[in-house]
Amino acid sequence: MTTTGLHVTTTGTGPRPVVFLHGFLGQGRNLATAARSIGDLATSLLVDVPNHGRSGWTEHFDYLQFADIIADAVRAGGAVTRPVTLVGHSMGGKIAMCLTLRHPDLVERLVVVDASPARYERTEFFERVVEAMAALGTEGIASRDHADTALSSLVPDEATRGFLLQNLYRGPSADGPTWQWRCNVAMLRAELDRMADFPSMGGASWDGPVLWVAGARSDHVHPSHTRAMRALFPRTRLVRVKDAGHWVHADQPKVFAQLLRAFLVE
């Protein structure tokens, strides 16, 4: 079944429209702190991207399809009356790049957070966590604590388990309320290879301003990715954030907020 409805929450009262796109297995609310930090400058839309959170599911993992779905929602939303600043982290950064190249009229500025227009060869972390979610399933889960304990042998890090378990909720079924995953675990597990890749953009490029933010402790933005990034986005400025890994906005929230605020007003 394919559905295209997107779940979007709004925060902030400022005049600049900003759209946030989260990473793999996340939800829009993961970027709420960053959105609130610019609330006086921007009205931000926190999007649950397709197959995540409360948004609809698709049959396949397709960056171009996801970009088009989100672009249609932004264009039709009514809240956006001028081109937006698009902020995407990780998987959301790849979607944001595709959206900008396919729908350049919608985007004024682009922020790509710890993502590159390249294939990621090291996906062990993502493989491990999605396999753990699939192995846990949802049948027989008695409580969130029970699920946390069941995941602990496969995902020993407590913070990572907390991140995964935000996807767990009690929803309706024929037998009454049951624990369910909000994200499309089966499809995401089966098509993880597509998530790791980046689609061909057919020679497209976009000449708007781009802030490319990388975590200094992350390998998602490698020097070898620079040529491809600048071919697509010639006006890219790269900033590496000290003492930050892949989740730059969570590791260094104040620094990330400062970067966003400066980029919005420059």
C-alpha atoms as a PDB file:
ATOM      1  CA  MET A   1       0.000   0.000   0.000  1.00  0.00           C
ATOM      2  CA  THR A   2       1.293   3.447  -0.904  1.00  0.00           C
ATOM      3  CA  THR A   3       0.137   6.541   0.940  1.00  0.00           C
ATOM      4  CA  THR A   4       1.592   9.988   0.552  1.00  0.00           C
ATOM      5  CA  GLY A   5       0.168  11.876   3.517  1.00  0.00           C
ATOM      6  CA  LEU A   6       2.821  13.700   5.511  1.00  0.00           C
ATOM      7  CA  HIS A   7       2.725  14.501   9.202  1.00  0.00           C
ATOM      8  CA  VAL A   8       4.044  18.025   9.793  1.00  0.00           C
ATOM      9  CA  THR A   9       4.267  20.105  12.951  1.00  0.00           C
ATOM     10  CA  THR A  10       4.942  23.826  13.058  1.00  0.00           C
ATOM     11  CA  THR A  11       7.029  25.799  15.504  1.00  0.00           C
ATOM     12  CA  GLY A  12       8.286  29.368  15.701  1.00  0.00           C
ATOM     13  CA  THR A  13       6.786  32.701  14.710  1.00  0.00           C
ATOM     14  CA  GLY A  14       9.503  34.335  12.622  1.00  0.00           C
ATOM     15  CA  PRO A  15       9.010  35.506   9.017  1.00  0.00           C
ATOM     16  CA  ARG A  16      11.399  33.084   7.284  1.00  0.00           C
ATOM     17  CA  PRO A  17       9.946  29.683   6.276  1.00  0.00           C
ATOM     18  CA  VAL A  18      12.208  26.738   7.169  1.00  0.00           C
ATOM     19  CA  VAL A  19      11.575  23.045   6.503  1.00  0.00           C
ATOM     20  CA  PHE A  20      13.420  20.385   8.545  1.00  0.00           C
ATOM     21  CA  LEU A  21      13.942  16.803   7.305  1.00  0.00           C
ATOM     22  CA  HIS A  22      15.214  14.201   9.792  1.00  0.00           C
ATOM     23  CA  GLY A  23      17.444  11.169   9.354  1.00  0.00           C
ATOM     24  CA  PHE A  24      16.911   7.418   9.072  1.00  0.00           C
ATOM     25  CA  LEU A  25      14.531   5.925  11.681  1.00  0.00           C
ATOM     26  CA  GLY A  26      13.921   9.398  13.108  1.00  0.00           C
ATOM     27  CA  GLN A  27      10.970  11.752  13.266  1.00  0.00           C
ATOM     28  CA  GLY A  28      10.454  15.447  12.691  1.00  0.00           C
ATOM     29  CA  ARG A  29      10.534  16.125  16.415  1.00  0.00           C
ATOM     30  CA  ASN A  30      14.209  15.081  16.496  1.00  0.00           C
ATOM     31  CA  LEU A  31      14.981  18.529  15.096  1.00  0.00           C
ATOM     32  CA  ALA A  32      12.606  20.458  17.359  1.00  0.00           C
ATOM     33  CA  THR A  33      15.387  21.933  19.499  1.00  0.00           C
ATOM     34  CA  ALA A  34      17.102  23.332  16.422  1.00  0.00           C
ATOM     35  CA  ALA A  35      13.804  24.716  15.135  1.00  0.00           C
ATOM     36  CA  ARG A  36      13.029  26.389  18.460  1.00  0.00           C
ATOM     37  CA  SER A  37      16.473  27.978  18.497  1.00  0.00           C
ATOM     38  CA  ILE A  38      15.520  30.018  15.411  1.00  0.00           C
ATOM     39  CA  GLY A  39      11.894  30.565  16.414  1.00  0.00           C
ATOM     40  CA  ASP A  40      12.195  34.348  16.424  1.00  0.00           C
ATOM     41  CA  LEU A  41      13.637  34.309  12.901  1.00  0.00           C
ATOM     42  CA  ALA A  42      11.603  31.537  11.306  1.00  0.00           C
ATOM     43  CA  THR A  43       8.388  29.565  11.189  1.00  0.00           C
ATOM     44  CA  SER A  44       9.600  25.998  10.861  1.00  0.00           C
ATOM     45  CA  LEU A  45       7.882  22.902   9.519  1.00  0.00           C
ATOM     46  CA  LEU A  46       9.090  19.657  11.117  1.00  0.00           C
ATOM     47  CA  VAL A  47       8.333  16.905   8.611  1.00  0.00           C
ATOM     48  CA  ASP A  48       8.031  13.191   9.294  1.00  0.00           C
ATOM     49  CA  VAL A  49       9.485  11.981   5.987  1.00  0.00           C
ATOM     50  CA  PRO A  50       7.732   9.106   4.160  1.00  0.00           C
ATOM     51  CA  ASN A  51       7.870   5.740   5.961  1.00  0.00           C
ATOM     52  CA  HIS A  52       8.721   7.420   9.258  1.00  0.00           C
ATOM     53  CA  GLY A  53       6.814   8.842  12.205  1.00  0.00           C
ATOM     54  CA  ARG A  54       3.171   9.532  11.476  1.00  0.00           C
ATOM     55  CA  SER A  55       3.617   9.954   7.720  1.00  0.00           C
ATOM     56  CA  GLY A  56       2.415   7.541   5.067  1.00  0.00           C
ATOM     57  CA  TRP A  57       4.332   4.562   3.749  1.00  0.00           C
ATOM     58  CA  THR A  58       5.562   3.778   0.243  1.00  0.00           C
ATOM     59  CA  GLU A  59       6.266   0.470  -1.444  1.00  0.00           C
ATOM     60  CA  HIS A  60       9.939   1.235  -2.095  1.00  0.00           C
ATOM     61  CA  PHE A  61      12.768   3.443  -0.864  1.00  0.00           C
ATOM     62  CA  ASP A  62      13.149   6.170  -3.484  1.00  0.00           C
ATOM     63  CA  TYR A  63      14.865   9.488  -2.746  1.00  0.00           C
ATOM     64  CA  LEU A  64      13.356  11.134  -5.809  1.00  0.00           C
ATOM     65  CA  GLN A  65       9.825  10.049  -4.883  1.00  0.00           C
ATOM     66  CA  PHE A  66      10.283  11.269  -1.309  1.00  0.00           C
ATOM     67  CA  ALA A  67      11.584  14.621  -2.575  1.00  0.00           C
ATOM     68  CA  ASP A  68       8.560  15.023  -4.843  1.00  0.00           C
ATOM     69  CA  ILE A  69       6.095  14.085  -2.090  1.00  0.00           C
ATOM     70  CA  ILE A  70       7.584  16.641   0.282  1.00  0.00           C
ATOM     71  CA  ALA A  71       7.823  19.295  -2.433  1.00  0.00           C
ATOM     72  CA  ASP A  72       4.135  18.839  -3.264  1.00  0.00           C
ATOM     73  CA  ALA A  73       3.220  19.205   0.396  1.00  0.00           C
ATOM     74  CA  VAL A  74       5.328  22.332   0.805  1.00  0.00           C
ATOM     75  CA  ARG A  75       3.902  23.849  -2.357  1.00  0.00           C
ATOM     76  CA  ALA A  76       0.302  23.073  -1.387  1.00  0.00           C
ATOM     77  CA  GLY A  77       0.607  23.752   2.327  1.00  0.00           C
ATOM     78  CA  GLY A  78      -0.464  27.361   2.278  1.00  0.00           C
ATOM     79  CA  ALA A  79       1.919  28.254   5.113  1.00  0.00           C
ATOM     80  CA  VAL A  80       4.771  28.734   2.676  1.00  0.00           C
ATOM     81  CA  THR A  81       4.403  31.938   0.685  1.00  0.00           C
ATOM     82  CA  ARG A  82       8.045  32.288  -0.353  1.00  0.00           C
ATOM     83  CA  PRO A  83      10.955  29.925  -1.079  1.00  0.00           C
ATOM     84  CA  VAL A  84      12.105  28.063   1.998  1.00  0.00           C
ATOM     85  CA  THR A  85      15.328  27.303   3.768  1.00  0.00           C
ATOM     86  CA  LEU A  86      15.592  23.524   3.647  1.00  0.00           C
ATOM     87  CA  VAL A  87      17.491  21.746   6.450  1.00  0.00           C
ATOM     88  CA  GLY A  88      18.155  18.018   6.115  1.00  0.00           C
ATOM     89  CA  HIS A  89      20.131  15.668   8.348  1.00  0.00           C
ATOM     90  CA  SER A  90      21.661  12.412   7.070  1.00  0.00           C
ATOM     91  CA  MET A  91      18.974  10.642   5.002  1.00  0.00           C
ATOM     92  CA  GLY A  92      16.976  13.869   5.233  1.00  0.00           C
ATOM     93  CA  GLY A  93      19.994  15.709   3.833  1.00  0.00           C
ATOM     94  CA  LYS A  94      19.966  13.481   0.754  1.00  0.00           C
ATOM     95  CA  ILE A  95      16.226  14.080   0.339  1.00  0.00           C
ATOM     96  CA  ALA A  96      16.818  17.817   0.731  1.00  0.00           C
ATOM     97  CA  MET A  97      19.484  17.786  -1.993  1.00  0.00           C
ATOM     98  CA  CYS A  98      17.169  15.912  -4.374  1.00  0.00           C
ATOM     99  CA  LEU A  99      14.268  18.231  -3.607  1.00  0.00           C
ATOM    100  CA  THR A 100      16.381  21.324  -4.238  1.00  0.00           C
ATOM    101  CA  LEU A 101      17.648  20.031  -7.576  1.00  0.00           C
ATOM    102  CA  ARG A 102      14.202  18.883  -8.740  1.00  0.00           C
ATOM    103  CA  HIS A 103      12.176  21.808  -7.389  1.00  0.00           C
ATOM    104  CA  PRO A 104      14.550  24.786  -7.331  1.00  0.00           C
ATOM    105  CA  ASP A 105      11.685  27.290  -7.250  1.00  0.00           C
ATOM    106  CA  LEU A 106      10.814  26.118  -3.715  1.00  0.00           C
ATOM    107  CA  VAL A 107      14.221  26.602  -2.130  1.00  0.00           C
ATOM    108  CA  GLU A 108      16.037  29.799  -1.184  1.00  0.00           C
ATOM    109  CA  ARG A 109      18.766  28.271   0.997  1.00  0.00           C
ATOM    110  CA  LEU A 110      19.914  24.721   1.707  1.00  0.00           C
ATOM    111  CA  VAL A 111      21.505  23.253   4.835  1.00  0.00           C
ATOM    112  CA  VAL A 112      22.878  19.714   4.510  1.00  0.00           C
ATOM    113  CA  VAL A 113      23.845  18.165   7.850  1.00  0.00           C
ATOM    114  CA  ASP A 114      26.349  15.289   7.836  1.00  0.00           C
ATOM    115  CA  ALA A 115      25.274  13.893   4.482  1.00  0.00           C
ATOM    116  CA  SER A 116      26.906  13.743   1.051  1.00  0.00           C
ATOM    117  CA  PRO A 117      25.682  13.084  -2.500  1.00  0.00           C
ATOM    118  CA  ALA A 118      27.517   9.781  -2.486  1.00  0.00           C
ATOM    119  CA  ARG A 119      27.108   6.124  -1.687  1.00  0.00           C
ATOM    120  CA  TYR A 120      27.935   5.203   1.898  1.00  0.00           C
ATOM    121  CA  GLU A 121      29.980   2.026   2.055  1.00  0.00           C
ATOM    122  CA  ARG A 122      29.903   1.699   5.851  1.00  0.00           C
ATOM    123  CA  THR A 123      26.321   1.010   6.925  1.00  0.00           C
ATOM    124  CA  GLU A 124      26.970  -1.407   9.776  1.00  0.00           C
ATOM    125  CA  PHE A 125      25.263   0.772  12.384  1.00  0.00           C
ATOM    126  CA  PHE A 126      22.077   1.174  10.354  1.00  0.00           C
ATOM    127  CA  GLU A 127      22.055  -2.528   9.470  1.00  0.00           C
ATOM    128  CA  ARG A 128      22.426  -3.478  13.124  1.00  0.00           C
ATOM    129  CA  VAL A 129      19.646  -1.269  14.445  1.00  0.00           C
ATOM    130  CA  VAL A 130      17.068  -2.058  11.764  1.00  0.00           C
ATOM    131  CA  GLU A 131      17.817  -5.763  12.132  1.00  0.00           C
ATOM    132  CA  ALA A 132      17.294  -5.407  15.873  1.00  0.00           C
ATOM    133  CA  MET A 133      13.924  -3.727  15.344  1.00  0.00           C
ATOM    134  CA  ALA A 134      12.857  -6.421  12.887  1.00  0.00           C
ATOM    135  CA  ALA A 135      14.039  -9.199  15.207  1.00  0.00           C
ATOM    136  CA  LEU A 136      12.125  -7.728  18.139  1.00  0.00           C
ATOM    137  CA  GLY A 137       8.941  -7.461  16.119  1.00  0.00           C
ATOM    138  CA  THR A 138       5.951  -6.278  18.151  1.00  0.00           C
ATOM    139  CA  GLU A 139       4.131  -9.464  19.150  1.00  0.00           C
ATOM    140  CA  GLY A 140       4.294 -10.196  22.822  1.00  0.00           C
ATOM    141  CA  ILE A 141       5.687  -6.820  23.879  1.00  0.00           C
ATOM    142  CA  ALA A 142       4.237  -6.092  27.300  1.00  0.00           C
ATOM    143  CA  SER A 143       5.593  -2.565  27.792  1.00  0.00           C
ATOM    144  CA  ARG A 144       8.148  -0.077  26.562  1.00  0.00           C
ATOM    145  CA  ASP A 145      10.508  -1.234  29.330  1.00  0.00           C
ATOM    146  CA  HIS A 146      10.076  -4.817  28.145  1.00  0.00           C
ATOM    147  CA  ALA A 147      10.982  -3.748  24.599  1.00  0.00           C
ATOM    148  CA  ASP A 148      14.015  -1.860  25.907  1.00  0.00           C
ATOM    149  CA  THR A 149      15.229  -4.958  27.746  1.00  0.00           C
ATOM    150  CA  ALA A 150      14.620  -7.172  24.715  1.00  0.00           C
ATOM    151  CA  LEU A 151      16.658  -4.836  22.487  1.00  0.00           C
ATOM    152  CA  SER A 152      19.540  -4.464  24.918  1.00  0.00           C
ATOM    153  CA  SER A 153      21.433  -7.568  23.788  1.00  0.00           C
ATOM    154  CA  LEU A 154      21.414  -6.390  20.153  1.00  0.00           C
ATOM    155  CA  VAL A 155      21.719  -2.649  20.836  1.00  0.00           C
ATOM    156  CA  PRO A 156      23.750  -2.199  24.024  1.00  0.00           C
ATOM    157  CA  ASP A 157      23.895   1.600  23.893  1.00  0.00           C
ATOM    158  CA  GLU A 158      21.057   3.070  25.971  1.00  0.00           C
ATOM    159  CA  ALA A 159      20.806   6.320  23.980  1.00  0.00           C
ATOM    160  CA  THR A 160      20.513   4.417  20.706  1.00  0.00           C
ATOM    161  CA  ARG A 161      17.766   2.209  22.142  1.00  0.00           C
ATOM    162  CA  GLY A 162      15.904   5.320  23.281  1.00  0.00           C
ATOM    163  CA  PHE A 163      16.170   6.735  19.768  1.00  0.00           C
ATOM    164  CA  LEU A 164      14.768   3.522  18.264  1.00  0.00           C
ATOM    165  CA  LEU A 165      11.999   3.144  20.824  1.00  0.00           C
ATOM    166  CA  GLN A 166      10.544   6.548  20.000  1.00  0.00           C
ATOM    167  CA  ASN A 167       9.142   4.656  17.007  1.00  0.00           C
ATOM    168  CA  LEU A 168       7.159   2.282  19.245  1.00  0.00           C
ATOM    169  CA  TYR A 169       3.526   3.089  20.054  1.00  0.00           C
ATOM    170  CA  ARG A 170       0.265   1.410  20.970  1.00  0.00           C
ATOM    171  CA  GLY A 171      -2.096   1.402  18.009  1.00  0.00           C
ATOM    172  CA  PRO A 172      -5.404  -0.204  17.095  1.00  0.00           C
ATOM    173  CA  SER A 173      -5.687  -3.726  15.697  1.00  0.00           C
ATOM    174  CA  ALA A 174      -8.391  -6.349  15.245  1.00  0.00           C
ATOM    175  CA  ASP A 175      -7.497  -7.765  18.666  1.00  0.00           C
ATOM    176  CA  GLY A 176      -7.380  -4.413  20.428  1.00  0.00           C
ATOM    177  CA  PRO A 177      -4.477  -2.010  21.046  1.00  0.00           C
ATOM    178  CA  THR A 178      -1.064  -3.513  20.305  1.00  0.00           C
ATOM    179  CA  TRP A 179       2.511  -2.270  20.202  1.00  0.00           C
ATOM    180  CA  GLN A 180       3.502  -1.238  16.674  1.00  0.00           C
ATOM    181  CA  TRP A 181       6.403   0.450  14.875  1.00  0.00           C
ATOM    182  CA  ARG A 182       5.651   3.860  13.414  1.00  0.00           C
ATOM    183  CA  CYS A 183       8.336   3.429  10.748  1.00  0.00           C
ATOM    184  CA  ASN A 184       8.066   1.005   7.845  1.00  0.00           C
ATOM    185  CA  VAL A 185      10.571  -1.477   9.308  1.00  0.00           C
ATOM    186  CA  ALA A 186      10.083  -4.272   6.765  1.00  0.00           C
ATOM    187  CA  MET A 187      10.598  -2.043   3.714  1.00  0.00           C
ATOM    188  CA  LEU A 188      13.456  -0.064   5.252  1.00  0.00           C
ATOM    189  CA  ARG A 189      15.232  -3.299   6.184  1.00  0.00           C
ATOM    190  CA  ALA A 190      14.755  -4.788   2.722  1.00  0.00           C
ATOM    191  CA  GLU A 191      15.908  -1.655   0.872  1.00  0.00           C
ATOM    192  CA  LEU A 192      18.652  -0.377   3.157  1.00  0.00           C
ATOM    193  CA  ASP A 193      21.045  -0.488   0.201  1.00  0.00           C
ATOM    194  CA  ARG A 194      18.987   2.195  -1.539  1.00  0.00           C
ATOM    195  CA  MET A 195      19.148   4.385   1.533  1.00  0.00           C
ATOM    196  CA  ALA A 196      22.945   4.155   1.473  1.00  0.00           C
ATOM    197  CA  ASP A 197      23.107   5.233  -2.170  1.00  0.00           C
ATOM    198  CA  PHE A 198      22.423   8.571  -3.886  1.00  0.00           C
ATOM    199  CA  PRO A 199      20.512   8.814  -7.180  1.00  0.00           C
ATOM    200  CA  SER A 200      21.863  10.250 -10.401  1.00  0.00           C
ATOM    201  CA  MET A 201      20.585  13.790 -10.862  1.00  0.00           C
ATOM    202  CA  GLY A 202      21.181  13.883 -14.618  1.00  0.00           C
ATOM    203  CA  GLY A 203      23.663  16.752 -14.613  1.00  0.00           C
ATOM    204  CA  ALA A 204      21.435  19.109 -12.624  1.00  0.00           C
ATOM    205  CA  SER A 205      22.948  21.798 -10.420  1.00  0.00           C
ATOM    206  CA  TRP A 206      21.666  24.605  -8.184  1.00  0.00           C
ATOM    207  CA  ASP A 207      23.431  27.914  -7.672  1.00  0.00           C
ATOM    208  CA  GLY A 208      21.823  28.971  -4.397  1.00  0.00           C
ATOM    209  CA  PRO A 209      23.656  29.272  -1.065  1.00  0.00           C
ATOM    210  CA  VAL A 210      24.421  25.959   0.671  1.00  0.00           C
ATOM    211  CA  LEU A 211      25.700  25.386   4.194  1.00  0.00           C
ATOM    212  CA  TRP A 212      27.268  21.934   4.460  1.00  0.00           C
ATOM    213  CA  VAL A 213      27.664  20.950   8.122  1.00  0.00           C
ATOM    214  CA  ALA A 214      29.766  17.964   9.112  1.00  0.00           C
ATOM    215  CA  GLY A 215      30.560  16.371  12.437  1.00  0.00           C
ATOM    216  CA  ALA A 216      34.325  16.296  12.989  1.00  0.00           C
ATOM    217  CA  ARG A 217      34.044  12.768  14.405  1.00  0.00           C
ATOM    218  CA  SER A 218      31.851  11.478  11.559  1.00  0.00           C
ATOM    219  CA  ASP A 219      32.886   9.956   8.235  1.00  0.00           C
ATOM    220  CA  HIS A 220      29.680  10.816   6.362  1.00  0.00           C
ATOM    221  CA  VAL A 221      31.321  13.894   4.838  1.00  0.00           C
ATOM    222  CA  HIS A 222      34.651  12.747   3.416  1.00  0.00           C
ATOM    223  CA  PRO A 223      37.091  14.876   1.388  1.00  0.00           C
ATOM    224  CA  SER A 224      36.415  12.571  -1.557  1.00  0.00           C
ATOM    225  CA  HIS A 225      32.777  13.752  -1.550  1.00  0.00           C
ATOM    226  CA  THR A 226      33.664  17.408  -2.104  1.00  0.00           C
ATOM    227  CA  ARG A 227      33.911  17.255  -5.885  1.00  0.00           C
ATOM    228  CA  ALA A 228      30.432  15.717  -6.278  1.00  0.00           C
ATOM    229  CA  MET A 229      28.937  18.159  -3.789  1.00  0.00           C
ATOM    230  CA  ARG A 230      30.358  21.228  -5.524  1.00  0.00           C
ATOM    231  CA  ALA A 231      29.312  19.923  -8.951  1.00  0.00           C
ATOM    232  CA  LEU A 232      25.711  19.876  -7.751  1.00  0.00           C
ATOM    233  CA  PHE A 233      25.938  22.942  -5.498  1.00  0.00           C
ATOM    234  CA  PRO A 234      28.721  25.332  -6.565  1.00  0.00           C
ATOM    235  CA  ARG A 235      28.059  27.790  -3.724  1.00  0.00           C
ATOM    236  CA  THR A 236      28.672  25.241  -0.954  1.00  0.00           C
ATOM    237  CA  ARG A 237      30.415  26.300   2.262  1.00  0.00           C
ATOM    238  CA  LEU A 238      31.641  23.427   4.442  1.00  0.00           C
ATOM    239  CA  VAL A 239      31.810  23.757   8.233  1.00  0.00           C
ATOM    240  CA  ARG A 240      33.146  20.940  10.411  1.00  0.00           C
ATOM    241  CA  VAL A 241      31.868  21.068  13.980  1.00  0.00           C
ATOM    242  CA  LYS A 242      34.350  20.047  16.663  1.00  0.00           C
ATOM    243  CA  ASP A 243      33.381  17.398  19.213  1.00  0.00           C
ATOM    244  CA  ALA A 244      30.396  16.312  17.111  1.00  0.00           C
ATOM    245  CA  GLY A 245      29.609  12.989  15.503  1.00  0.00           C
ATOM    246  CA  HIS A 246      26.908  12.149  12.983  1.00  0.00           C
ATOM    247  CA  TRP A 247      24.129  13.767  15.058  1.00  0.00           C
ATOM    248  CA  VAL A 248      25.669  17.245  14.956  1.00  0.00           C
ATOM    249  CA  HIS A 249      22.494  19.021  16.108  1.00  0.00           C
ATOM    250  CA  ALA A 250      22.298  16.791  19.208  1.00  0.00           C
ATOM    251  CA  ASP A 251      26.033  16.697  20.013  1.00  0.00           C
ATOM    252  CA  GLN A 252      26.559  20.454  19.690  1.00  0.00           C
ATOM    253  CA  PRO A 253      23.111  22.121  19.801  1.00  0.00           C
ATOM    254  CA  LYS A 254      24.369  25.615  20.619  1.00  0.00           C
ATOM    255  CA  VAL A 255      26.941  25.605  17.837  1.00  0.00           C
ATOM    256  CA  PHE A 256      24.401  24.213  15.393  1.00  0.00           C
ATOM    257  CA  ALA A 257      21.893  26.908  16.371  1.00  0.00           C
ATOM    258  CA  GLN A 258      24.515  29.617  15.853  1.00  0.00           C
ATOM    259  CA  LEU A 259      25.327  28.263  12.397  1.00  0.00           C
ATOM    260  CA  LEU A 260      21.639  28.185  11.420  1.00  0.00           C
ATOM    261  CA  ARG A 261      20.944  31.679  12.690  1.00  0.00           C
ATOM    262  CA  ALA A 262      23.961  33.162  10.933  1.00  0.00           C
ATOM    263  CA  PHE A 263      23.096  31.406   7.651  1.00  0.00           C
ATOM    264  CA  LEU A 264      19.483  32.610   7.745  1.00  0.00           C
ATOM    265  CA  VAL A 265      20.399  36.278   8.034  1.00  0.00           C
ATOM    266  CA  GLU A 266      23.589  36.536   5.982  1.00  0.00           C
END
